[in-house]
Amino acid sequence: MGFALARYLRYCRYFDEWITVTTAALAVFRERGDRHAEGGALTP
């Protein structure tokens, strides 16, 4: 869901919110040790 929301926010040009959502998702992926999802979060 975070990826879909981030895509929507980027599309609508809500860049501050996009950065916030992506940063939160990245923190969760790093905590879980999910390198694949972490890479997805880092790729726009």
Protein backbone atom coordinates (compact mmCIF):
# COMPACT_ATOMS: atom_id res chain seq x y z
CA MET A 1 0.00 0.00 0.00
CA GLY A 2 2.88 2.34 0.75
CA PHE A 3 4.19 1.96 -2.81
CA ALA A 4 0.79 2.77 -4.31
CA LEU A 5 0.42 5.82 -2.08
CA ALA A 6 3.94 7.00 -2.88
CA ARG A 7 3.27 6.63 -6.61
CA TYR A 8 0.04 8.65 -6.29
CA LEU A 9 1.72 11.38 -4.24
CA ARG A 10 4.55 11.66 -6.75
CA TYR A 11 2.07 11.77 -9.64
CA CYS A 12 0.07 14.57 -7.96
CA ARG A 13 3.32 16.38 -7.15
CA TYR A 14 2.89 16.21 -3.35
CA PHE A 15 6.63 15.87 -2.93
CA ASP A 16 6.84 16.54 0.83
CA GLU A 17 4.26 13.85 1.56
CA TRP A 18 5.93 11.48 -0.93
CA ILE A 19 9.25 11.85 0.88
CA THR A 20 7.56 11.28 4.26
CA VAL A 21 5.79 8.08 3.14
CA THR A 22 8.87 6.73 1.38
CA THR A 23 11.11 7.45 4.37
CA ALA A 24 8.70 5.67 6.73
CA ALA A 25 8.48 2.65 4.42
CA LEU A 26 12.25 2.55 4.08
CA ALA A 27 12.66 2.52 7.87
CA VAL A 28 10.27 -0.43 8.18
CA PHE A 29 12.03 -2.39 5.43
CA ARG A 30 15.44 -1.77 6.97
CA GLU A 31 14.18 -2.85 10.41
CA ARG A 32 12.80 -6.08 8.91
CA GLY A 33 15.97 -6.68 6.92
CA ASP A 34 14.02 -6.79 3.65
CA ARG A 35 16.70 -5.74 1.15
CA HIS A 36 14.48 -6.29 -1.90
CA ALA A 37 11.73 -3.98 -0.62
CA GLU A 38 14.35 -1.49 0.55
CA GLY A 39 15.67 -1.31 -3.00
CA GLY A 40 12.15 -0.76 -4.29
CA ALA A 41 11.62 2.10 -1.86
CA LEU A 42 14.84 3.74 -2.98
CA THR A 43 13.92 3.55 -6.68
CA PRO A 44 11.40 6.20 -7.80
